[in-house]
PDB file of N, CA and C in Angstrom:
ATOM      1  N   UNK A   1      11.920   5.844 -29.302  1.00  0.00           N
ATOM      2  CA  UNK A   1      13.085   5.120 -28.858  1.00  0.00           C
ATOM      3  C   UNK A   1      12.900   3.627 -29.113  1.00  0.00           C
ATOM      4  N   UNK A   2      12.421   2.893 -28.124  1.00  0.00           N
ATOM      5  CA  UNK A   2      12.146   1.473 -28.268  1.00  0.00           C
ATOM      6  C   UNK A   2      10.641   1.275 -28.234  1.00  0.00           C
ATOM      7  N   UNK A   3      10.176   0.251 -28.905  1.00  0.00           N
ATOM      8  CA  UNK A   3       8.754  -0.032 -28.895  1.00  0.00           C
ATOM      9  C   UNK A   3       8.432  -0.859 -27.663  1.00  0.00           C
ATOM     10  N   UNK A   4       7.388  -0.477 -26.964  1.00  0.00           N
ATOM     11  CA  UNK A   4       7.037  -1.175 -25.731  1.00  0.00           C
ATOM     12  C   UNK A   4       5.684  -1.860 -25.862  1.00  0.00           C
ATOM     13  N   UNK A   5       5.453  -2.566 -26.966  1.00  0.00           N
ATOM     14  CA  UNK A   5       4.174  -3.238 -27.145  1.00  0.00           C
ATOM     15  C   UNK A   5       4.147  -4.507 -26.306  1.00  0.00           C
ATOM     16  N   UNK A   6       2.969  -4.781 -25.751  1.00  0.00           N
ATOM     17  CA  UNK A   6       2.791  -5.995 -24.980  1.00  0.00           C
ATOM     18  C   UNK A   6       1.309  -6.317 -24.936  1.00  0.00           C
ATOM     19  N   UNK A   7       0.980  -7.512 -24.517  1.00  0.00           N
ATOM     20  CA  UNK A   7      -0.410  -7.920 -24.411  1.00  0.00           C
ATOM     21  C   UNK A   7      -0.957  -7.389 -23.100  1.00  0.00           C
ATOM     22  N   UNK A   8      -2.121  -6.772 -23.158  1.00  0.00           N
ATOM     23  CA  UNK A   8      -2.727  -6.199 -21.957  1.00  0.00           C
ATOM     24  C   UNK A   8      -3.423  -7.273 -21.141  1.00  0.00           C
ATOM     25  N   UNK A   9      -3.323  -7.145 -19.856  1.00  0.00           N
ATOM     26  CA  UNK A   9      -4.074  -7.977 -18.949  1.00  0.00           C
ATOM     27  C   UNK A   9      -5.416  -7.289 -18.745  1.00  0.00           C
ATOM     28  N   UNK A  10      -6.497  -8.022 -18.798  1.00  0.00           N
ATOM     29  CA  UNK A  10      -7.813  -7.398 -18.684  1.00  0.00           C
ATOM     30  C   UNK A  10      -8.033  -6.769 -17.323  1.00  0.00           C
ATOM     31  N   UNK A  11      -7.417  -7.296 -16.299  1.00  0.00           N
ATOM     32  CA  UNK A  11      -7.615  -6.763 -14.949  1.00  0.00           C
ATOM     33  C   UNK A  11      -6.881  -5.442 -14.754  1.00  0.00           C
ATOM     34  N   UNK A  12      -5.792  -5.241 -15.489  1.00  0.00           N
ATOM     35  CA  UNK A  12      -4.997  -4.041 -15.319  1.00  0.00           C
ATOM     36  C   UNK A  12      -4.868  -3.321 -16.655  1.00  0.00           C
ATOM     37  N   UNK A  13      -5.069  -2.024 -16.678  1.00  0.00           N
ATOM     38  CA  UNK A  13      -4.926  -1.295 -17.940  1.00  0.00           C
ATOM     39  C   UNK A  13      -3.462  -1.281 -18.395  1.00  0.00           C
ATOM     40  N   UNK A  14      -3.264  -1.191 -19.694  1.00  0.00           N
ATOM     41  CA  UNK A  14      -1.907  -1.118 -20.235  1.00  0.00           C
ATOM     42  C   UNK A  14      -1.295   0.227 -19.884  1.00  0.00           C
ATOM     43  N   UNK A  15      -0.090   0.201 -19.463  1.00  0.00           N
ATOM     44  CA  UNK A  15       0.646   1.427 -19.162  1.00  0.00           C
ATOM     45  C   UNK A  15       1.995   1.351 -19.858  1.00  0.00           C
ATOM     46  N   UNK A  16       2.471   2.478 -20.295  1.00  0.00           N
ATOM     47  CA  UNK A  16       3.797   2.529 -20.895  1.00  0.00           C
ATOM     48  C   UNK A  16       4.820   2.512 -19.761  1.00  0.00           C
ATOM     49  N   UNK A  17       5.545   1.467 -19.657  1.00  0.00           N
ATOM     50  CA  UNK A  17       6.594   1.380 -18.646  1.00  0.00           C
ATOM     51  C   UNK A  17       7.895   1.046 -19.339  1.00  0.00           C
ATOM     52  N   UNK A  18       8.976   1.282 -18.636  1.00  0.00           N
ATOM     53  CA  UNK A  18      10.271   0.960 -19.221  1.00  0.00           C
ATOM     54  C   UNK A  18      10.732  -0.433 -18.794  1.00  0.00           C
ATOM     55  N   UNK A  19       9.838  -1.224 -18.187  1.00  0.00           N
ATOM     56  CA  UNK A  19      10.202  -2.566 -17.759  1.00  0.00           C
ATOM     57  C   UNK A  19      10.542  -3.454 -18.946  1.00  0.00           C
ATOM     58  N   UNK A  20       9.894  -3.206 -20.070  1.00  0.00           N
ATOM     59  CA  UNK A  20      10.092  -4.047 -21.233  1.00  0.00           C
ATOM     60  C   UNK A  20      11.227  -3.575 -22.129  1.00  0.00           C
ATOM     61  N   UNK A  21      11.883  -2.508 -21.764  1.00  0.00           N
ATOM     62  CA  UNK A  21      13.007  -2.015 -22.547  1.00  0.00           C
ATOM     63  C   UNK A  21      14.255  -2.831 -22.221  1.00  0.00           C
ATOM     64  N   UNK A  22      15.225  -2.842 -23.108  1.00  0.00           N
ATOM     65  CA  UNK A  22      16.484  -3.495 -22.777  1.00  0.00           C
ATOM     66  C   UNK A  22      17.108  -2.851 -21.539  1.00  0.00           C
ATOM     67  N   UNK A  23      17.882  -3.627 -20.802  1.00  0.00           N
ATOM     68  CA  UNK A  23      18.425  -3.173 -19.530  1.00  0.00           C
ATOM     69  C   UNK A  23      19.152  -1.834 -19.653  1.00  0.00           C
ATOM     70  N   UNK A  24      19.930  -1.626 -20.712  1.00  0.00           N
ATOM     71  CA  UNK A  24      20.686  -0.379 -20.859  1.00  0.00           C
ATOM     72  C   UNK A  24      19.789   0.819 -21.130  1.00  0.00           C
ATOM     73  N   UNK A  25      18.600   0.598 -21.675  1.00  0.00           N
ATOM     74  CA  UNK A  25      17.711   1.700 -22.024  1.00  0.00           C
ATOM     75  C   UNK A  25      16.790   2.096 -20.878  1.00  0.00           C
ATOM     76  N   UNK A  26      16.751   1.319 -19.810  1.00  0.00           N
ATOM     77  CA  UNK A  26      15.879   1.629 -18.676  1.00  0.00           C
ATOM     78  C   UNK A  26      16.378   2.846 -17.912  1.00  0.00           C
ATOM     79  N   UNK A  27      15.408   3.542 -17.339  1.00  0.00           N
ATOM     80  CA  UNK A  27      15.785   4.649 -16.461  1.00  0.00           C
ATOM     81  C   UNK A  27      16.353   4.079 -15.179  1.00  0.00           C
ATOM     82  N   UNK A  28      17.284   4.793 -14.570  1.00  0.00           N
ATOM     83  CA  UNK A  28      17.850   4.351 -13.303  1.00  0.00           C
ATOM     84  C   UNK A  28      16.889   4.767 -12.206  1.00  0.00           C
ATOM     85  N   UNK A  29      16.131   3.812 -11.678  1.00  0.00           N
ATOM     86  CA  UNK A  29      15.111   4.137 -10.686  1.00  0.00           C
ATOM     87  C   UNK A  29      15.685   4.243  -9.283  1.00  0.00           C
ATOM     88  N   UNK A  30      16.883   3.755  -9.071  1.00  0.00           N
ATOM     89  CA  UNK A  30      17.486   3.835  -7.749  1.00  0.00           C
ATOM     90  C   UNK A  30      18.899   4.401  -7.862  1.00  0.00           C
ATOM     91  N   UNK A  31      19.029   5.687  -8.148  1.00  0.00           N
ATOM     92  CA  UNK A  31      20.359   6.240  -8.367  1.00  0.00           C
ATOM     93  C   UNK A  31      21.243   6.209  -7.127  1.00  0.00           C
ATOM     94  N   UNK A  32      20.648   6.235  -5.950  1.00  0.00           N
ATOM     95  CA  UNK A  32      21.450   6.227  -4.723  1.00  0.00           C
ATOM     96  C   UNK A  32      21.386   4.888  -4.007  1.00  0.00           C
ATOM     97  N   UNK A  33      20.779   3.884  -4.633  1.00  0.00           N
ATOM     98  CA  UNK A  33      20.642   2.545  -4.064  1.00  0.00           C
ATOM     99  C   UNK A  33      19.983   2.577  -2.679  1.00  0.00           C
ATOM    100  N   UNK A  34      18.899   3.322  -2.579  1.00  0.00           N
ATOM    101  CA  UNK A  34      18.138   3.398  -1.335  1.00  0.00           C
ATOM    102  C   UNK A  34      17.190   2.206  -1.251  1.00  0.00           C
ATOM    103  N   UNK A  35      17.001   1.702  -0.033  1.00  0.00           N
ATOM    104  CA  UNK A  35      16.050   0.617   0.175  1.00  0.00           C
ATOM    105  C   UNK A  35      14.632   1.185   0.202  1.00  0.00           C
ATOM    106  N   UNK A  36      13.646   0.291   0.130  1.00  0.00           N
ATOM    107  CA  UNK A  36      12.257   0.746   0.202  1.00  0.00           C
ATOM    108  C   UNK A  36      11.977   1.447   1.527  1.00  0.00           C
ATOM    109  N   UNK A  37      12.544   0.925   2.592  1.00  0.00           N
ATOM    110  CA  UNK A  37      12.363   1.524   3.912  1.00  0.00           C
ATOM    111  C   UNK A  37      12.931   2.941   3.951  1.00  0.00           C
ATOM    112  N   UNK A  38      14.099   3.134   3.356  1.00  0.00           N
ATOM    113  CA  UNK A  38      14.713   4.457   3.324  1.00  0.00           C
ATOM    114  C   UNK A  38      13.898   5.430   2.475  1.00  0.00           C
ATOM    115  N   UNK A  39      13.359   4.958   1.357  1.00  0.00           N
ATOM    116  CA  UNK A  39      12.506   5.804   0.527  1.00  0.00           C
ATOM    117  C   UNK A  39      11.235   6.164   1.285  1.00  0.00           C
ATOM    118  N   UNK A  40      10.692   5.205   2.043  1.00  0.00           N
ATOM    119  CA  UNK A  40       9.508   5.472   2.859  1.00  0.00           C
ATOM    120  C   UNK A  40       9.811   6.536   3.911  1.00  0.00           C
ATOM    121  N   UNK A  41      10.962   6.449   4.540  1.00  0.00           N
ATOM    122  CA  UNK A  41      11.346   7.461   5.531  1.00  0.00           C
ATOM    123  C   UNK A  41      11.473   8.828   4.869  1.00  0.00           C
ATOM    124  N   UNK A  42      12.102   8.893   3.709  1.00  0.00           N
ATOM    125  CA  UNK A  42      12.219  10.166   2.991  1.00  0.00           C
ATOM    126  C   UNK A  42      10.843  10.738   2.656  1.00  0.00           C
ATOM    127  N   UNK A  43       9.926   9.885   2.206  1.00  0.00           N
ATOM    128  CA  UNK A  43       8.583  10.349   1.856  1.00  0.00           C
ATOM    129  C   UNK A  43       7.862  10.886   3.088  1.00  0.00           C
ATOM    130  N   UNK A  44       7.994  10.186   4.191  1.00  0.00           N
ATOM    131  CA  UNK A  44       7.339  10.633   5.421  1.00  0.00           C
ATOM    132  C   UNK A  44       7.954  11.921   5.946  1.00  0.00           C
ATOM    133  N   UNK A  45       9.258  12.079   5.793  1.00  0.00           N
ATOM    134  CA  UNK A  45       9.901  13.342   6.181  1.00  0.00           C
ATOM    135  C   UNK A  45       9.421  14.481   5.285  1.00  0.00           C
ATOM    136  N   UNK A  46       9.255  14.203   3.993  1.00  0.00           N
ATOM    137  CA  UNK A  46       8.759  15.221   3.069  1.00  0.00           C
ATOM    138  C   UNK A  46       7.325  15.610   3.404  1.00  0.00           C
ATOM    139  N   UNK A  47       6.559  14.687   3.979  1.00  0.00           N
ATOM    140  CA  UNK A  47       5.185  14.974   4.382  1.00  0.00           C
ATOM    141  C   UNK A  47       5.115  15.718   5.715  1.00  0.00           C
ATOM    142  N   UNK A  48       6.256  15.909   6.364  1.00  0.00           N
ATOM    143  CA  UNK A  48       6.290  16.700   7.595  1.00  0.00           C
ATOM    144  C   UNK A  48       6.300  15.906   8.880  1.00  0.00           C
ATOM    145  N   UNK A  49       6.429  14.601   8.800  1.00  0.00           N
ATOM    146  CA  UNK A  49       6.463  13.791  10.021  1.00  0.00           C
ATOM    147  C   UNK A  49       7.819  13.919  10.706  1.00  0.00           C
ATOM    148  N   UNK A  50       7.796  13.808  12.007  1.00  0.00           N
ATOM    149  CA  UNK A  50       9.031  13.811  12.787  1.00  0.00           C
ATOM    150  C   UNK A  50       9.421  12.367  13.108  1.00  0.00           C
ATOM    151  N   UNK A  51      10.668  12.190  13.538  1.00  0.00           N
ATOM    152  CA  UNK A  51      11.159  10.842  13.841  1.00  0.00           C
ATOM    153  C   UNK A  51      10.252  10.159  14.863  1.00  0.00           C
ATOM    154  N   UNK A  52       9.817  10.899  15.866  1.00  0.00           N
ATOM    155  CA  UNK A  52       9.002  10.327  16.929  1.00  0.00           C
ATOM    156  C   UNK A  52       7.665   9.818  16.400  1.00  0.00           C
ATOM    157  N   UNK A  53       7.136  10.462  15.378  1.00  0.00           N
ATOM    158  CA  UNK A  53       5.860  10.037  14.792  1.00  0.00           C
ATOM    159  C   UNK A  53       6.015   8.797  13.916  1.00  0.00           C
ATOM    160  N   UNK A  54       7.228   8.508  13.471  1.00  0.00           N
ATOM    161  CA  UNK A  54       7.470   7.358  12.598  1.00  0.00           C
ATOM    162  C   UNK A  54       7.718   6.070  13.362  1.00  0.00           C
ATOM    163  N   UNK A  55       7.875   6.146  14.659  1.00  0.00           N
ATOM    164  CA  UNK A  55       8.218   4.954  15.433  1.00  0.00           C
ATOM    165  C   UNK A  55       7.059   3.977  15.486  1.00  0.00           C
ATOM    166  N   UNK A  56       7.409   2.706  15.539  1.00  0.00           N
ATOM    167  CA  UNK A  56       6.460   1.610  15.696  1.00  0.00           C
ATOM    168  C   UNK A  56       7.030   0.682  16.749  1.00  0.00           C
ATOM    169  N   UNK A  57       6.276  -0.300  17.196  1.00  0.00           N
ATOM    170  CA  UNK A  57       6.850  -1.249  18.169  1.00  0.00           C
ATOM    171  C   UNK A  57       8.090  -1.976  17.651  1.00  0.00           C
ATOM    172  N   UNK A  58       8.170  -2.193  16.337  1.00  0.00           N
ATOM    173  CA  UNK A  58       9.325  -2.896  15.767  1.00  0.00           C
ATOM    174  C   UNK A  58      10.473  -1.952  15.410  1.00  0.00           C
ATOM    175  N   UNK A  59      10.191  -0.662  15.295  1.00  0.00           N
ATOM    176  CA  UNK A  59      11.197   0.288  14.825  1.00  0.00           C
ATOM    177  C   UNK A  59      11.219   1.499  15.750  1.00  0.00           C
ATOM    178  N   UNK A  60      12.245   1.584  16.578  1.00  0.00           N
ATOM    179  CA  UNK A  60      12.298   2.677  17.542  1.00  0.00           C
ATOM    180  C   UNK A  60      12.959   3.923  16.945  1.00  0.00           C
ATOM    181  N   UNK A  61      13.027   4.974  17.724  1.00  0.00           N
ATOM    182  CA  UNK A  61      13.527   6.262  17.243  1.00  0.00           C
ATOM    183  C   UNK A  61      15.010   6.197  16.889  1.00  0.00           C
ATOM    184  N   UNK A  62      15.761   5.338  17.571  1.00  0.00           N
ATOM    185  CA  UNK A  62      17.193   5.207  17.260  1.00  0.00           C
ATOM    186  C   UNK A  62      17.386   4.609  15.861  1.00  0.00           C
ATOM    187  N   UNK A  63      16.550   3.648  15.509  1.00  0.00           N
ATOM    188  CA  UNK A  63      16.651   3.036  14.168  1.00  0.00           C
ATOM    189  C   UNK A  63      16.274   4.045  13.088  1.00  0.00           C
ATOM    190  N   UNK A  64      15.251   4.858  13.340  1.00  0.00           N
ATOM    191  CA  UNK A  64      14.855   5.887  12.375  1.00  0.00           C
ATOM    192  C   UNK A  64      16.001   6.880  12.193  1.00  0.00           C
ATOM    193  N   UNK A  65      16.628   7.280  13.298  1.00  0.00           N
ATOM    194  CA  UNK A  65      17.769   8.195  13.215  1.00  0.00           C
ATOM    195  C   UNK A  65      18.938   7.591  12.457  1.00  0.00           C
ATOM    196  N   UNK A  66      19.190   6.308  12.676  1.00  0.00           N
ATOM    197  CA  UNK A  66      20.267   5.624  11.962  1.00  0.00           C
ATOM    198  C   UNK A  66      19.965   5.556  10.471  1.00  0.00           C
ATOM    199  N   UNK A  67      18.698   5.274  10.116  1.00  0.00           N
ATOM    200  CA  UNK A  67      18.317   5.247   8.705  1.00  0.00           C
ATOM    201  C   UNK A  67      18.479   6.627   8.067  1.00  0.00           C
ATOM    202  N   UNK A  68      18.110   7.672   8.794  1.00  0.00           N
ATOM    203  CA  UNK A  68      18.266   9.029   8.269  1.00  0.00           C
ATOM    204  C   UNK A  68      19.746   9.334   8.032  1.00  0.00           C
ATOM    205  N   UNK A  69      20.610   8.874   8.922  1.00  0.00           N
ATOM    206  CA  UNK A  69      22.050   9.058   8.750  1.00  0.00           C
ATOM    207  C   UNK A  69      22.539   8.312   7.503  1.00  0.00           C
ATOM    208  N   UNK A  70      22.074   7.071   7.329  1.00  0.00           N
ATOM    209  CA  UNK A  70      22.481   6.286   6.158  1.00  0.00           C
ATOM    210  C   UNK A  70      21.983   6.924   4.863  1.00  0.00           C
ATOM    211  N   UNK A  71      20.775   7.481   4.883  1.00  0.00           N
ATOM    212  CA  UNK A  71      20.240   8.171   3.711  1.00  0.00           C
ATOM    213  C   UNK A  71      21.118   9.372   3.372  1.00  0.00           C
ATOM    214  N   UNK A  72      21.440  10.182   4.380  1.00  0.00           N
ATOM    215  CA  UNK A  72      22.297  11.358   4.147  1.00  0.00           C
ATOM    216  C   UNK A  72      23.652  10.944   3.605  1.00  0.00           C
ATOM    217  N   UNK A  73      24.213   9.883   4.131  1.00  0.00           N
ATOM    218  CA  UNK A  73      25.518   9.409   3.675  1.00  0.00           C
ATOM    219  C   UNK A  73      25.461   8.938   2.225  1.00  0.00           C
ATOM    220  N   UNK A  74      24.447   8.148   1.882  1.00  0.00           N
ATOM    221  CA  UNK A  74      24.318   7.643   0.519  1.00  0.00           C
ATOM    222  C   UNK A  74      24.098   8.767  -0.488  1.00  0.00           C
ATOM    223  N   UNK A  75      23.334   9.784  -0.085  1.00  0.00           N
ATOM    224  CA  UNK A  75      22.987  10.859  -1.015  1.00  0.00           C
ATOM    225  C   UNK A  75      24.008  11.989  -1.013  1.00  0.00           C
ATOM    226  N   UNK A  76      24.939  11.966  -0.084  1.00  0.00           N
ATOM    227  CA  UNK A  76      25.942  13.026  -0.019  1.00  0.00           C
ATOM    228  C   UNK A  76      25.386  14.333   0.506  1.00  0.00           C
ATOM    229  N   UNK A  77      24.345  14.247   1.308  1.00  0.00           N
ATOM    230  CA  UNK A  77      23.718  15.438   1.871  1.00  0.00           C
ATOM    231  C   UNK A  77      24.250  15.688   3.275  1.00  0.00           C
ATOM    232  N   UNK A  78      24.313  16.969   3.644  1.00  0.00           N
ATOM    233  CA  UNK A  78      24.770  17.304   4.994  1.00  0.00           C
ATOM    234  C   UNK A  78      23.640  17.245   6.008  1.00  0.00           C
ATOM    235  N   UNK A  79      22.422  17.524   5.574  1.00  0.00           N
ATOM    236  CA  UNK A  79      21.275  17.507   6.480  1.00  0.00           C
ATOM    237  C   UNK A  79      20.169  16.644   5.893  1.00  0.00           C
ATOM    238  N   UNK A  80      19.241  16.287   6.752  1.00  0.00           N
ATOM    239  CA  UNK A  80      18.102  15.501   6.305  1.00  0.00           C
ATOM    240  C   UNK A  80      17.227  16.311   5.356  1.00  0.00           C
ATOM    241  N   UNK A  81      17.087  17.590   5.622  1.00  0.00           N
ATOM    242  CA  UNK A  81      16.297  18.458   4.746  1.00  0.00           C
ATOM    243  C   UNK A  81      16.902  18.497   3.346  1.00  0.00           C
ATOM    244  N   UNK A  82      18.217  18.541   3.261  1.00  0.00           N
ATOM    245  CA  UNK A  82      18.889  18.531   1.962  1.00  0.00           C
ATOM    246  C   UNK A  82      18.655  17.206   1.246  1.00  0.00           C
ATOM    247  N   UNK A  83      18.666  16.097   1.977  1.00  0.00           N
ATOM    248  CA  UNK A  83      18.407  14.789   1.373  1.00  0.00           C
ATOM    249  C   UNK A  83      16.984  14.722   0.824  1.00  0.00           C
ATOM    250  N   UNK A  84      16.020  15.272   1.555  1.00  0.00           N
ATOM    251  CA  UNK A  84      14.636  15.307   1.078  1.00  0.00           C
ATOM    252  C   UNK A  84      14.537  16.171  -0.179  1.00  0.00           C
ATOM    253  N   UNK A  85      15.219  17.306  -0.185  1.00  0.00           N
ATOM    254  CA  UNK A  85      15.190  18.194  -1.359  1.00  0.00           C
ATOM    255  C   UNK A  85      15.782  17.511  -2.585  1.00  0.00           C
ATOM    256  N   UNK A  86      16.874  16.782  -2.407  1.00  0.00           N
ATOM    257  CA  UNK A  86      17.489  16.053  -3.528  1.00  0.00           C
ATOM    258  C   UNK A  86      16.520  14.992  -4.041  1.00  0.00           C
ATOM    259  N   UNK A  87      15.901  14.256  -3.120  1.00  0.00           N
ATOM    260  CA  UNK A  87      14.968  13.190  -3.503  1.00  0.00           C
ATOM    261  C   UNK A  87      13.771  13.769  -4.263  1.00  0.00           C
ATOM    262  N   UNK A  88      13.279  14.898  -3.823  1.00  0.00           N
ATOM    263  CA  UNK A  88      12.170  15.548  -4.541  1.00  0.00           C
ATOM    264  C   UNK A  88      12.599  16.004  -5.920  1.00  0.00           C
ATOM    265  N   UNK A  89      13.793  16.568  -6.012  1.00  0.00           N
ATOM    266  CA  UNK A  89      14.279  17.106  -7.282  1.00  0.00           C
ATOM    267  C   UNK A  89      14.467  16.021  -8.332  1.00  0.00           C
ATOM    268  N   UNK A  90      14.996  14.864  -7.936  1.00  0.00           N
ATOM    269  CA  UNK A  90      15.257  13.812  -8.923  1.00  0.00           C
ATOM    270  C   UNK A  90      14.088  12.843  -9.074  1.00  0.00           C
ATOM    271  N   UNK A  91      13.048  13.004  -8.262  1.00  0.00           N
ATOM    272  CA  UNK A  91      11.836  12.219  -8.439  1.00  0.00           C
ATOM    273  C   UNK A  91      11.767  10.900  -7.701  1.00  0.00           C
ATOM    274  N   UNK A  92      12.597  10.708  -6.688  1.00  0.00           N
ATOM    275  CA  UNK A  92      12.508   9.481  -5.888  1.00  0.00           C
ATOM    276  C   UNK A  92      11.218   9.486  -5.089  1.00  0.00           C
ATOM    277  N   UNK A  93      10.831  10.655  -4.584  1.00  0.00           N
ATOM    278  CA  UNK A  93       9.599  10.811  -3.817  1.00  0.00           C
ATOM    279  C   UNK A  93       8.768  11.912  -4.432  1.00  0.00           C
ATOM    280  N   UNK A  94       7.532  12.004  -4.017  1.00  0.00           N
ATOM    281  CA  UNK A  94       6.624  13.031  -4.529  1.00  0.00           C
ATOM    282  C   UNK A  94       6.329  14.057  -3.482  1.00  0.00           C
TER     283      UNK A  94
END
């Protein structure tokens, strides 16, 4: 497709990435426009964590529930499990 040659940094090995491709040729890495926090919540749900286990002093269970609702809304999923399945299928999370 496009050539992705670049000068390697000695500290980091060269990797083929699409960062150097023209904007139109790049893969869409955020098809549902999810934030990093939302992707983190999806990953933790895929790992089997419950909302109560995700809480921190700065982020209570109500905020986690609200984020899960926003994720479902953005992805067009009816349940959180369906949103996790979609994210796994398209490669947003592992």
